[in-house]
Amino acid sequence: MFGLDKRTELSVLVLRDADVIAAGVRSALAEASPEERPGLERAAALVERAFTVSDAELRARWVHERLAQAGYEGPADSVQAIKTLRQAAPGLSLVTAVRLSKDAAAYRP
């Protein structure tokens, strides 16, 4: 067949909203009572740590979550994992699923 491939591909987009959450926690911390401060300071530290996670790690976490939801427990970069991932995310192309599974194998949660 000639022409362009009309299939659409599901892409995994990494969204980071830790900055919005951090601002909310900092705002609450500024107005916190002495009893609330320890918990909010811990929450602020956790949010700050979220800033250090790479996009590859976030994609790997997404893959591991999809595989776990499907009941798959084997290696993330196996043929069965790729098949399971594509069943969990039907619009995912084979090329993308392979790339994501390799990322997931590199980052075990």
PDB file of N, CA and C in Angstrom:
ATOM      1  N   MET A   1       0.846  -1.154   0.000  1.00  0.00           N
ATOM      2  CA  MET A   1       0.000   0.000   0.000  1.00  0.00           C
ATOM      3  C   MET A   1       0.901   1.229   0.000  1.00  0.00           C
ATOM      4  N   PHE A   2       0.516   2.236  -0.734  1.00  0.00           N
ATOM      5  CA  PHE A   2       1.268   3.477  -0.827  1.00  0.00           C
ATOM      6  C   PHE A   2       0.594   4.553   0.010  1.00  0.00           C
ATOM      7  N   GLY A   3       1.351   5.562   0.372  1.00  0.00           N
ATOM      8  CA  GLY A   3       0.769   6.668   1.127  1.00  0.00           C
ATOM      9  C   GLY A   3       1.267   6.705   2.553  1.00  0.00           C
ATOM     10  N   LEU A   4       0.720   7.627   3.266  1.00  0.00           N
ATOM     11  CA  LEU A   4       1.117   7.814   4.652  1.00  0.00           C
ATOM     12  C   LEU A   4       0.367   6.860   5.564  1.00  0.00           C
ATOM     13  N   ASP A   5       1.016   6.486   6.605  1.00  0.00           N
ATOM     14  CA  ASP A   5       0.386   5.641   7.604  1.00  0.00           C
ATOM     15  C   ASP A   5      -0.600   6.486   8.395  1.00  0.00           C
ATOM     16  N   LYS A   6      -1.844   6.098   8.407  1.00  0.00           N
ATOM     17  CA  LYS A   6      -2.893   6.879   9.043  1.00  0.00           C
ATOM     18  C   LYS A   6      -3.088   6.525  10.525  1.00  0.00           C
ATOM     19  N   ARG A   7      -2.376   5.503  10.991  1.00  0.00           N
ATOM     20  CA  ARG A   7      -2.539   5.101  12.389  1.00  0.00           C
ATOM     21  C   ARG A   7      -2.029   6.197  13.311  1.00  0.00           C
ATOM     22  N   THR A   8      -2.701   6.353  14.403  1.00  0.00           N
ATOM     23  CA  THR A   8      -2.227   7.284  15.415  1.00  0.00           C
ATOM     24  C   THR A   8      -1.526   6.479  16.492  1.00  0.00           C
ATOM     25  N   GLU A   9      -0.564   7.106  17.135  1.00  0.00           N
ATOM     26  CA  GLU A   9       0.213   6.414  18.141  1.00  0.00           C
ATOM     27  C   GLU A   9       0.041   7.099  19.483  1.00  0.00           C
ATOM     28  N   LEU A  10      -0.160   6.302  20.492  1.00  0.00           N
ATOM     29  CA  LEU A  10      -0.243   6.811  21.850  1.00  0.00           C
ATOM     30  C   LEU A  10       1.163   7.149  22.319  1.00  0.00           C
ATOM     31  N   SER A  11       1.356   8.351  22.767  1.00  0.00           N
ATOM     32  CA  SER A  11       2.643   8.752  23.306  1.00  0.00           C
ATOM     33  C   SER A  11       2.503   8.940  24.805  1.00  0.00           C
ATOM     34  N   VAL A  12       3.555   8.590  25.511  1.00  0.00           N
ATOM     35  CA  VAL A  12       3.553   8.781  26.949  1.00  0.00           C
ATOM     36  C   VAL A  12       4.151  10.151  27.213  1.00  0.00           C
ATOM     37  N   LEU A  13       3.333  11.007  27.754  1.00  0.00           N
ATOM     38  CA  LEU A  13       3.742  12.375  28.054  1.00  0.00           C
ATOM     39  C   LEU A  13       3.993  12.478  29.547  1.00  0.00           C
ATOM     40  N   VAL A  14       5.175  12.948  29.896  1.00  0.00           N
ATOM     41  CA  VAL A  14       5.518  13.106  31.300  1.00  0.00           C
ATOM     42  C   VAL A  14       5.022  14.465  31.767  1.00  0.00           C
ATOM     43  N   LEU A  15       4.158  14.443  32.760  1.00  0.00           N
ATOM     44  CA  LEU A  15       3.635  15.681  33.330  1.00  0.00           C
ATOM     45  C   LEU A  15       4.253  15.869  34.709  1.00  0.00           C
ATOM     46  N   ARG A  16       4.728  17.064  34.935  1.00  0.00           N
ATOM     47  CA  ARG A  16       5.306  17.381  36.239  1.00  0.00           C
ATOM     48  C   ARG A  16       4.504  18.515  36.850  1.00  0.00           C
ATOM     49  N   ASP A  17       3.882  18.232  37.954  1.00  0.00           N
ATOM     50  CA  ASP A  17       3.147  19.273  38.646  1.00  0.00           C
ATOM     51  C   ASP A  17       3.692  19.470  40.054  1.00  0.00           C
ATOM     52  N   ALA A  18       4.891  18.986  40.281  1.00  0.00           N
ATOM     53  CA  ALA A  18       5.504  19.120  41.601  1.00  0.00           C
ATOM     54  C   ALA A  18       5.696  20.585  41.978  1.00  0.00           C
ATOM     55  N   ASP A  19       5.905  21.452  40.996  1.00  0.00           N
ATOM     56  CA  ASP A  19       6.091  22.872  41.307  1.00  0.00           C
ATOM     57  C   ASP A  19       4.812  23.485  41.878  1.00  0.00           C
ATOM     58  N   VAL A  20       3.662  23.090  41.352  1.00  0.00           N
ATOM     59  CA  VAL A  20       2.389  23.590  41.853  1.00  0.00           C
ATOM     60  C   VAL A  20       2.138  23.044  43.258  1.00  0.00           C
ATOM     61  N   ILE A  21       2.423  21.779  43.445  1.00  0.00           N
ATOM     62  CA  ILE A  21       2.248  21.166  44.761  1.00  0.00           C
ATOM     63  C   ILE A  21       3.200  21.812  45.766  1.00  0.00           C
ATOM     64  N   ALA A  22       4.455  22.027  45.366  1.00  0.00           N
ATOM     65  CA  ALA A  22       5.441  22.650  46.252  1.00  0.00           C
ATOM     66  C   ALA A  22       4.989  24.042  46.681  1.00  0.00           C
ATOM     67  N   ALA A  23       4.452  24.802  45.755  1.00  0.00           N
ATOM     68  CA  ALA A  23       3.967  26.147  46.084  1.00  0.00           C
ATOM     69  C   ALA A  23       2.835  26.075  47.100  1.00  0.00           C
ATOM     70  N   GLY A  24       1.944  25.136  46.933  1.00  0.00           N
ATOM     71  CA  GLY A  24       0.845  24.960  47.878  1.00  0.00           C
ATOM     72  C   GLY A  24       1.333  24.562  49.262  1.00  0.00           C
ATOM     73  N   VAL A  25       2.311  23.662  49.308  1.00  0.00           N
ATOM     74  CA  VAL A  25       2.858  23.235  50.596  1.00  0.00           C
ATOM     75  C   VAL A  25       3.614  24.385  51.261  1.00  0.00           C
ATOM     76  N   ARG A  26       4.388  25.144  50.472  1.00  0.00           N
ATOM     77  CA  ARG A  26       5.111  26.299  51.034  1.00  0.00           C
ATOM     78  C   ARG A  26       4.136  27.343  51.575  1.00  0.00           C
ATOM     79  N   SER A  27       3.053  27.570  50.865  1.00  0.00           N
ATOM     80  CA  SER A  27       2.039  28.512  51.313  1.00  0.00           C
ATOM     81  C   SER A  27       1.407  28.047  52.626  1.00  0.00           C
ATOM     82  N   ALA A  28       1.086  26.765  52.694  1.00  0.00           N
ATOM     83  CA  ALA A  28       0.516  26.216  53.926  1.00  0.00           C
ATOM     84  C   ALA A  28       1.518  26.274  55.066  1.00  0.00           C
ATOM     85  N   LEU A  29       2.784  26.040  54.745  1.00  0.00           N
ATOM     86  CA  LEU A  29       3.834  26.084  55.759  1.00  0.00           C
ATOM     87  C   LEU A  29       3.992  27.484  56.333  1.00  0.00           C
ATOM     88  N   ALA A  30       3.860  28.486  55.489  1.00  0.00           N
ATOM     89  CA  ALA A  30       3.990  29.877  55.942  1.00  0.00           C
ATOM     90  C   ALA A  30       2.897  30.253  56.937  1.00  0.00           C
ATOM     91  N   GLU A  31       1.749  29.613  56.823  1.00  0.00           N
ATOM     92  CA  GLU A  31       0.613  29.935  57.691  1.00  0.00           C
ATOM     93  C   GLU A  31       0.370  28.868  58.762  1.00  0.00           C
ATOM     94  N   ALA A  32       1.273  27.884  58.864  1.00  0.00           N
ATOM     95  CA  ALA A  32       1.037  26.731  59.731  1.00  0.00           C
ATOM     96  C   ALA A  32       1.246  27.050  61.200  1.00  0.00           C
ATOM     97  N   SER A  33       0.489  26.350  62.000  1.00  0.00           N
ATOM     98  CA  SER A  33       0.684  26.417  63.451  1.00  0.00           C
ATOM     99  C   SER A  33       1.904  25.565  63.806  1.00  0.00           C
ATOM    100  N   PRO A  34       2.463  25.756  64.988  1.00  0.00           N
ATOM    101  CA  PRO A  34       3.625  24.945  65.387  1.00  0.00           C
ATOM    102  C   PRO A  34       3.356  23.436  65.332  1.00  0.00           C
ATOM    103  N   GLU A  35       2.128  23.020  65.578  1.00  0.00           N
ATOM    104  CA  GLU A  35       1.788  21.595  65.537  1.00  0.00           C
ATOM    105  C   GLU A  35       1.787  21.055  64.104  1.00  0.00           C
ATOM    106  N   GLU A  36       1.437  21.898  63.154  1.00  0.00           N
ATOM    107  CA  GLU A  36       1.348  21.470  61.747  1.00  0.00           C
ATOM    108  C   GLU A  36       2.704  21.498  61.036  1.00  0.00           C
ATOM    109  N   ARG A  37       3.638  22.291  61.515  1.00  0.00           N
ATOM    110  CA  ARG A  37       4.901  22.513  60.822  1.00  0.00           C
ATOM    111  C   ARG A  37       5.688  21.236  60.537  1.00  0.00           C
ATOM    112  N   PRO A  38       5.873  20.319  61.497  1.00  0.00           N
ATOM    113  CA  PRO A  38       6.678  19.127  61.189  1.00  0.00           C
ATOM    114  C   PRO A  38       6.137  18.317  60.008  1.00  0.00           C
ATOM    115  N   GLY A  39       4.835  18.118  59.968  1.00  0.00           N
ATOM    116  CA  GLY A  39       4.241  17.360  58.864  1.00  0.00           C
ATOM    117  C   GLY A  39       4.382  18.076  57.533  1.00  0.00           C
ATOM    118  N   LEU A  40       4.181  19.389  57.544  1.00  0.00           N
ATOM    119  CA  LEU A  40       4.308  20.160  56.305  1.00  0.00           C
ATOM    120  C   LEU A  40       5.756  20.249  55.847  1.00  0.00           C
ATOM    121  N   GLU A  41       6.697  20.323  56.794  1.00  0.00           N
ATOM    122  CA  GLU A  41       8.111  20.326  56.414  1.00  0.00           C
ATOM    123  C   GLU A  41       8.500  19.002  55.772  1.00  0.00           C
ATOM    124  N   ARG A  42       7.975  17.904  56.302  1.00  0.00           N
ATOM    125  CA  ARG A  42       8.227  16.577  55.703  1.00  0.00           C
ATOM    126  C   ARG A  42       7.610  16.508  54.312  1.00  0.00           C
ATOM    127  N   ALA A  43       6.392  17.021  54.174  1.00  0.00           N
ATOM    128  CA  ALA A  43       5.734  17.032  52.864  1.00  0.00           C
ATOM    129  C   ALA A  43       6.538  17.867  51.868  1.00  0.00           C
ATOM    130  N   ALA A  44       7.054  19.014  52.310  1.00  0.00           N
ATOM    131  CA  ALA A  44       7.861  19.867  51.426  1.00  0.00           C
ATOM    132  C   ALA A  44       9.111  19.134  50.962  1.00  0.00           C
ATOM    133  N   ALA A  45       9.743  18.389  51.865  1.00  0.00           N
ATOM    134  CA  ALA A  45      10.944  17.628  51.493  1.00  0.00           C
ATOM    135  C   ALA A  45      10.606  16.553  50.458  1.00  0.00           C
ATOM    136  N   LEU A  46       9.472  15.885  50.625  1.00  0.00           N
ATOM    137  CA  LEU A  46       9.059  14.857  49.661  1.00  0.00           C
ATOM    138  C   LEU A  46       8.784  15.454  48.286  1.00  0.00           C
ATOM    139  N   VAL A  47       8.138  16.604  48.259  1.00  0.00           N
ATOM    140  CA  VAL A  47       7.849  17.265  46.986  1.00  0.00           C
ATOM    141  C   VAL A  47       9.151  17.711  46.316  1.00  0.00           C
ATOM    142  N   GLU A  48      10.064  18.234  47.095  1.00  0.00           N
ATOM    143  CA  GLU A  48      11.359  18.650  46.539  1.00  0.00           C
ATOM    144  C   GLU A  48      12.086  17.464  45.915  1.00  0.00           C
ATOM    145  N   ARG A  49      11.984  16.307  46.554  1.00  0.00           N
ATOM    146  CA  ARG A  49      12.631  15.107  46.007  1.00  0.00           C
ATOM    147  C   ARG A  49      12.010  14.716  44.664  1.00  0.00           C
ATOM    148  N   ALA A  50      10.717  15.001  44.487  1.00  0.00           N
ATOM    149  CA  ALA A  50      10.039  14.682  43.226  1.00  0.00           C
ATOM    150  C   ALA A  50      10.638  15.452  42.058  1.00  0.00           C
ATOM    151  N   PHE A  51      11.232  16.610  42.334  1.00  0.00           N
ATOM    152  CA  PHE A  51      11.870  17.392  41.271  1.00  0.00           C
ATOM    153  C   PHE A  51      13.078  16.677  40.680  1.00  0.00           C
ATOM    154  N   THR A  52      13.714  15.791  41.444  1.00  0.00           N
ATOM    155  CA  THR A  52      14.956  15.156  41.005  1.00  0.00           C
ATOM    156  C   THR A  52      14.740  13.917  40.148  1.00  0.00           C
ATOM    157  N   VAL A  53      13.508  13.446  40.048  1.00  0.00           N
ATOM    158  CA  VAL A  53      13.224  12.238  39.268  1.00  0.00           C
ATOM    159  C   VAL A  53      13.275  12.576  37.779  1.00  0.00           C
ATOM    160  N   SER A  54      14.021  11.774  37.030  1.00  0.00           N
ATOM    161  CA  SER A  54      14.165  12.021  35.586  1.00  0.00           C
ATOM    162  C   SER A  54      12.916  11.593  34.821  1.00  0.00           C
ATOM    163  N   ASP A  55      12.786  12.111  33.603  1.00  0.00           N
ATOM    164  CA  ASP A  55      11.667  11.715  32.738  1.00  0.00           C
ATOM    165  C   ASP A  55      11.703  10.220  32.457  1.00  0.00           C
ATOM    166  N   ALA A  56      12.902   9.669  32.254  1.00  0.00           N
ATOM    167  CA  ALA A  56      13.028   8.237  31.990  1.00  0.00           C
ATOM    168  C   ALA A  56      12.518   7.419  33.173  1.00  0.00           C
ATOM    169  N   GLU A  57      12.807   7.873  34.381  1.00  0.00           N
ATOM    170  CA  GLU A  57      12.321   7.173  35.564  1.00  0.00           C
ATOM    171  C   GLU A  57      10.801   7.261  35.672  1.00  0.00           C
ATOM    172  N   LEU A  58      10.237   8.408  35.333  1.00  0.00           N
ATOM    173  CA  LEU A  58       8.781   8.548  35.366  1.00  0.00           C
ATOM    174  C   LEU A  58       8.116   7.646  34.331  1.00  0.00           C
ATOM    175  N   ARG A  59       8.710   7.572  33.134  1.00  0.00           N
ATOM    176  CA  ARG A  59       8.163   6.669  32.109  1.00  0.00           C
ATOM    177  C   ARG A  59       8.275   5.217  32.574  1.00  0.00           C
ATOM    178  N   ALA A  60       9.415   4.875  33.195  1.00  0.00           N
ATOM    179  CA  ALA A  60       9.612   3.514  33.698  1.00  0.00           C
ATOM    180  C   ALA A  60       8.575   3.188  34.761  1.00  0.00           C
ATOM    181  N   ARG A  61       8.304   4.136  35.644  1.00  0.00           N
ATOM    182  CA  ARG A  61       7.289   3.930  36.682  1.00  0.00           C
ATOM    183  C   ARG A  61       5.926   3.677  36.037  1.00  0.00           C
ATOM    184  N   TRP A  62       5.613   4.449  34.979  1.00  0.00           N
ATOM    185  CA  TRP A  62       4.355   4.271  34.270  1.00  0.00           C
ATOM    186  C   TRP A  62       4.250   2.857  33.709  1.00  0.00           C
ATOM    187  N   VAL A  63       5.333   2.387  33.086  1.00  0.00           N
ATOM    188  CA  VAL A  63       5.346   1.039  32.506  1.00  0.00           C
ATOM    189  C   VAL A  63       5.163  -0.006  33.599  1.00  0.00           C
ATOM    190  N   HIS A  64       5.932   0.107  34.684  1.00  0.00           N
ATOM    191  CA  HIS A  64       5.829  -0.863  35.775  1.00  0.00           C
ATOM    192  C   HIS A  64       4.421  -0.873  36.374  1.00  0.00           C
ATOM    193  N   GLU A  65       3.791   0.285  36.463  1.00  0.00           N
ATOM    194  CA  GLU A  65       2.419   0.344  36.977  1.00  0.00           C
ATOM    195  C   GLU A  65       1.454  -0.372  36.042  1.00  0.00           C
ATOM    196  N   ARG A  66       1.586  -0.145  34.723  1.00  0.00           N
ATOM    197  CA  ARG A  66       0.706  -0.820  33.765  1.00  0.00           C
ATOM    198  C   ARG A  66       0.904  -2.331  33.838  1.00  0.00           C
ATOM    199  N   LEU A  67       2.163  -2.765  33.909  1.00  0.00           N
ATOM    200  CA  LEU A  67       2.448  -4.201  33.957  1.00  0.00           C
ATOM    201  C   LEU A  67       1.898  -4.812  35.244  1.00  0.00           C
ATOM    202  N   ALA A  68       2.065  -4.128  36.361  1.00  0.00           N
ATOM    203  CA  ALA A  68       1.560  -4.636  37.635  1.00  0.00           C
ATOM    204  C   ALA A  68       0.033  -4.720  37.626  1.00  0.00           C
ATOM    205  N   GLN A  69      -0.617  -3.704  37.068  1.00  0.00           N
ATOM    206  CA  GLN A  69      -2.081  -3.721  36.988  1.00  0.00           C
ATOM    207  C   GLN A  69      -2.579  -4.897  36.155  1.00  0.00           C
ATOM    208  N   ALA A  70      -1.774  -5.291  35.170  1.00  0.00           N
ATOM    209  CA  ALA A  70      -2.147  -6.415  34.312  1.00  0.00           C
ATOM    210  C   ALA A  70      -1.757  -7.757  34.934  1.00  0.00           C
ATOM    211  N   GLY A  71      -1.082  -7.726  36.087  1.00  0.00           N
ATOM    212  CA  GLY A  71      -0.680  -8.960  36.753  1.00  0.00           C
ATOM    213  C   GLY A  71       0.623  -9.543  36.245  1.00  0.00           C
ATOM    214  N   TYR A  72       1.360  -8.798  35.439  1.00  0.00           N
ATOM    215  CA  TYR A  72       2.624  -9.288  34.903  1.00  0.00           C
ATOM    216  C   TYR A  72       3.737  -9.036  35.908  1.00  0.00           C
ATOM    217  N   GLU A  73       4.569 -10.058  36.165  1.00  0.00           N
ATOM    218  CA  GLU A  73       5.632  -9.941  37.159  1.00  0.00           C
ATOM    219  C   GLU A  73       7.019 -10.252  36.607  1.00  0.00           C
ATOM    220  N   GLY A  74       7.150 -10.525  35.334  1.00  0.00           N
ATOM    221  CA  GLY A  74       8.440 -10.886  34.755  1.00  0.00           C
ATOM    222  C   GLY A  74       9.282  -9.675  34.393  1.00  0.00           C
ATOM    223  N   PRO A  75      10.343  -9.901  33.631  1.00  0.00           N
ATOM    224  CA  PRO A  75      11.225  -8.815  33.220  1.00  0.00           C
ATOM    225  C   PRO A  75      10.479  -7.783  32.363  1.00  0.00           C
ATOM    226  N   ALA A  76      10.758  -6.511  32.601  1.00  0.00           N
ATOM    227  CA  ALA A  76      10.039  -5.432  31.909  1.00  0.00           C
ATOM    228  C   ALA A  76      10.381  -5.345  30.431  1.00  0.00           C
ATOM    229  N   ASP A  77      11.496  -5.924  30.011  1.00  0.00           N
ATOM    230  CA  ASP A  77      11.888  -5.818  28.607  1.00  0.00           C
ATOM    231  C   ASP A  77      11.716  -7.129  27.838  1.00  0.00           C
ATOM    232  N   SER A  78      10.900  -8.026  28.362  1.00  0.00           N
ATOM    233  CA  SER A  78      10.656  -9.286  27.657  1.00  0.00           C
ATOM    234  C   SER A  78       9.566  -9.108  26.601  1.00  0.00           C
ATOM    235  N   VAL A  79       9.479 -10.074  25.719  1.00  0.00           N
ATOM    236  CA  VAL A  79       8.442 -10.057  24.683  1.00  0.00           C
ATOM    237  C   VAL A  79       7.057 -10.065  25.331  1.00  0.00           C
ATOM    238  N   GLN A  80       6.887 -10.868  26.371  1.00  0.00           N
ATOM    239  CA  GLN A  80       5.591 -10.933  27.061  1.00  0.00           C
ATOM    240  C   GLN A  80       5.254  -9.594  27.710  1.00  0.00           C
ATOM    241  N   ALA A  81       6.251  -8.913  28.264  1.00  0.00           N
ATOM    242  CA  ALA A  81       6.008  -7.597  28.879  1.00  0.00           C
ATOM    243  C   ALA A  81       5.553  -6.596  27.825  1.00  0.00           C
ATOM    244  N   ILE A  82       6.184  -6.625  26.672  1.00  0.00           N
ATOM    245  CA  ILE A  82       5.816  -5.707  25.592  1.00  0.00           C
ATOM    246  C   ILE A  82       4.380  -5.993  25.139  1.00  0.00           C
ATOM    247  N   LYS A  83       4.059  -7.268  25.012  1.00  0.00           N
ATOM    248  CA  LYS A  83       2.692  -7.644  24.633  1.00  0.00           C
ATOM    249  C   LYS A  83       1.699  -7.176  25.693  1.00  0.00           C
ATOM    250  N   THR A  84       2.009  -7.396  26.951  1.00  0.00           N
ATOM    251  CA  THR A  84       1.139  -6.982  28.054  1.00  0.00           C
ATOM    252  C   THR A  84       0.982  -5.467  28.074  1.00  0.00           C
ATOM    253  N   LEU A  85       2.079  -4.757  27.866  1.00  0.00           N
ATOM    254  CA  LEU A  85       2.036  -3.292  27.849  1.00  0.00           C
ATOM    255  C   LEU A  85       1.149  -2.786  26.723  1.00  0.00           C
ATOM    256  N   ARG A  86       1.266  -3.379  25.560  1.00  0.00           N
ATOM    257  CA  ARG A  86       0.432  -2.947  24.431  1.00  0.00           C
ATOM    258  C   ARG A  86      -1.031  -3.285  24.646  1.00  0.00           C
ATOM    259  N   GLN A  87      -1.319  -4.352  25.379  1.00  0.00           N
ATOM    260  CA  GLN A  87      -2.710  -4.666  25.711  1.00  0.00           C
ATOM    261  C   GLN A  87      -3.241  -3.677  26.743  1.00  0.00           C
ATOM    262  N   ALA A  88      -2.374  -3.254  27.655  1.00  0.00           N
ATOM    263  CA  ALA A  88      -2.782  -2.299  28.686  1.00  0.00           C
ATOM    264  C   ALA A  88      -2.981  -0.896  28.113  1.00  0.00           C
ATOM    265  N   ALA A  89      -2.229  -0.568  27.078  1.00  0.00           N
ATOM    266  CA  ALA A  89      -2.325   0.738  26.413  1.00  0.00           C
ATOM    267  C   ALA A  89      -2.500   0.468  24.919  1.00  0.00           C
ATOM    268  N   PRO A  90      -3.715   0.186  24.464  1.00  0.00           N
ATOM    269  CA  PRO A  90      -3.958  -0.289  23.106  1.00  0.00           C
ATOM    270  C   PRO A  90      -3.416   0.592  21.978  1.00  0.00           C
ATOM    271  N   GLY A  91      -3.291   1.881  22.162  1.00  0.00           N
ATOM    272  CA  GLY A  91      -2.791   2.737  21.096  1.00  0.00           C
ATOM    273  C   GLY A  91      -1.281   2.793  20.996  1.00  0.00           C
ATOM    274  N   LEU A  92      -0.591   2.086  21.864  1.00  0.00           N
ATOM    275  CA  LEU A  92       0.866   2.119  21.911  1.00  0.00           C
ATOM    276  C   LEU A  92       1.454   1.316  20.758  1.00  0.00           C
ATOM    277  N   SER A  93       2.332   1.938  19.988  1.00  0.00           N
ATOM    278  CA  SER A  93       2.948   1.218  18.871  1.00  0.00           C
ATOM    279  C   SER A  93       3.981   0.233  19.389  1.00  0.00           C
ATOM    280  N   LEU A  94       4.357  -0.705  18.556  1.00  0.00           N
ATOM    281  CA  LEU A  94       5.368  -1.688  18.926  1.00  0.00           C
ATOM    282  C   LEU A  94       6.702  -0.998  19.209  1.00  0.00           C
ATOM    283  N   VAL A  95       7.077  -0.052  18.378  1.00  0.00           N
ATOM    284  CA  VAL A  95       8.348   0.657  18.554  1.00  0.00           C
ATOM    285  C   VAL A  95       8.375   1.386  19.899  1.00  0.00           C
ATOM    286  N   THR A  96       7.305   2.083  20.221  1.00  0.00           N
ATOM    287  CA  THR A  96       7.234   2.817  21.489  1.00  0.00           C
ATOM    288  C   THR A  96       7.217   1.859  22.666  1.00  0.00           C
ATOM    289  N   ALA A  97       6.469   0.773  22.557  1.00  0.00           N
ATOM    290  CA  ALA A  97       6.401  -0.203  23.642  1.00  0.00           C
ATOM    291  C   ALA A  97       7.775  -0.816  23.910  1.00  0.00           C
ATOM    292  N   VAL A  98       8.528  -1.103  22.869  1.00  0.00           N
ATOM    293  CA  VAL A  98       9.873  -1.651  23.035  1.00  0.00           C
ATOM    294  C   VAL A  98      10.770  -0.628  23.726  1.00  0.00           C
ATOM    295  N   ARG A  99      10.708   0.618  23.281  1.00  0.00           N
ATOM    296  CA  ARG A  99      11.538   1.670  23.884  1.00  0.00           C
ATOM    297  C   ARG A  99      11.185   1.861  25.359  1.00  0.00           C
ATOM    298  N   LEU A 100       9.893   1.906  25.654  1.00  0.00           N
ATOM    299  CA  LEU A 100       9.454   2.075  27.038  1.00  0.00           C
ATOM    300  C   LEU A 100       9.842   0.879  27.906  1.00  0.00           C
ATOM    301  N   SER A 101       9.748  -0.307  27.355  1.00  0.00           N
ATOM    302  CA  SER A 101      10.102  -1.494  28.138  1.00  0.00           C
ATOM    303  C   SER A 101      11.595  -1.522  28.449  1.00  0.00           C
ATOM    304  N   LYS A 102      12.415  -1.038  27.527  1.00  0.00           N
ATOM    305  CA  LYS A 102      13.859  -0.953  27.791  1.00  0.00           C
ATOM    306  C   LYS A 102      14.143   0.072  28.884  1.00  0.00           C
ATOM    307  N   ASP A 103      13.457   1.213  28.839  1.00  0.00           N
ATOM    308  CA  ASP A 103      13.590   2.211  29.909  1.00  0.00           C
ATOM    309  C   ASP A 103      13.169   1.605  31.250  1.00  0.00           C
ATOM    310  N   ALA A 104      12.064   0.872  31.238  1.00  0.00           N
ATOM    311  CA  ALA A 104      11.544   0.293  32.472  1.00  0.00           C
ATOM    312  C   ALA A 104      12.498  -0.754  33.044  1.00  0.00           C
ATOM    313  N   ALA A 105      13.158  -1.492  32.171  1.00  0.00           N
ATOM    314  CA  ALA A 105      14.117  -2.499  32.649  1.00  0.00           C
ATOM    315  C   ALA A 105      15.315  -1.841  33.326  1.00  0.00           C
ATOM    316  N   ALA A 106      15.649  -0.638  32.890  1.00  0.00           N
ATOM    317  CA  ALA A 106      16.794   0.087  33.461  1.00  0.00           C
ATOM    318  C   ALA A 106      16.470   0.696  34.819  1.00  0.00           C
ATOM    319  N   TYR A 107      15.195   0.970  35.085  1.00  0.00           N
ATOM    320  CA  TYR A 107      14.770   1.593  36.339  1.00  0.00           C
ATOM    321  C   TYR A 107      13.745   0.701  37.019  1.00  0.00           C
ATOM    322  N   ARG A 108      14.182  -0.040  37.980  1.00  0.00           N
ATOM    323  CA  ARG A 108      13.247  -0.900  38.728  1.00  0.00           C
ATOM    324  C   ARG A 108      12.766  -0.128  39.953  1.00  0.00           C
ATOM    325  N   PRO A 109      11.456   0.044  40.107  1.00  0.00           N
ATOM    326  CA  PRO A 109      10.957   0.795  41.269  1.00  0.00           C
ATOM    327  C   PRO A 109      11.188   0.084  42.589  1.00  0.00           C
TER     328      PRO A 109
END
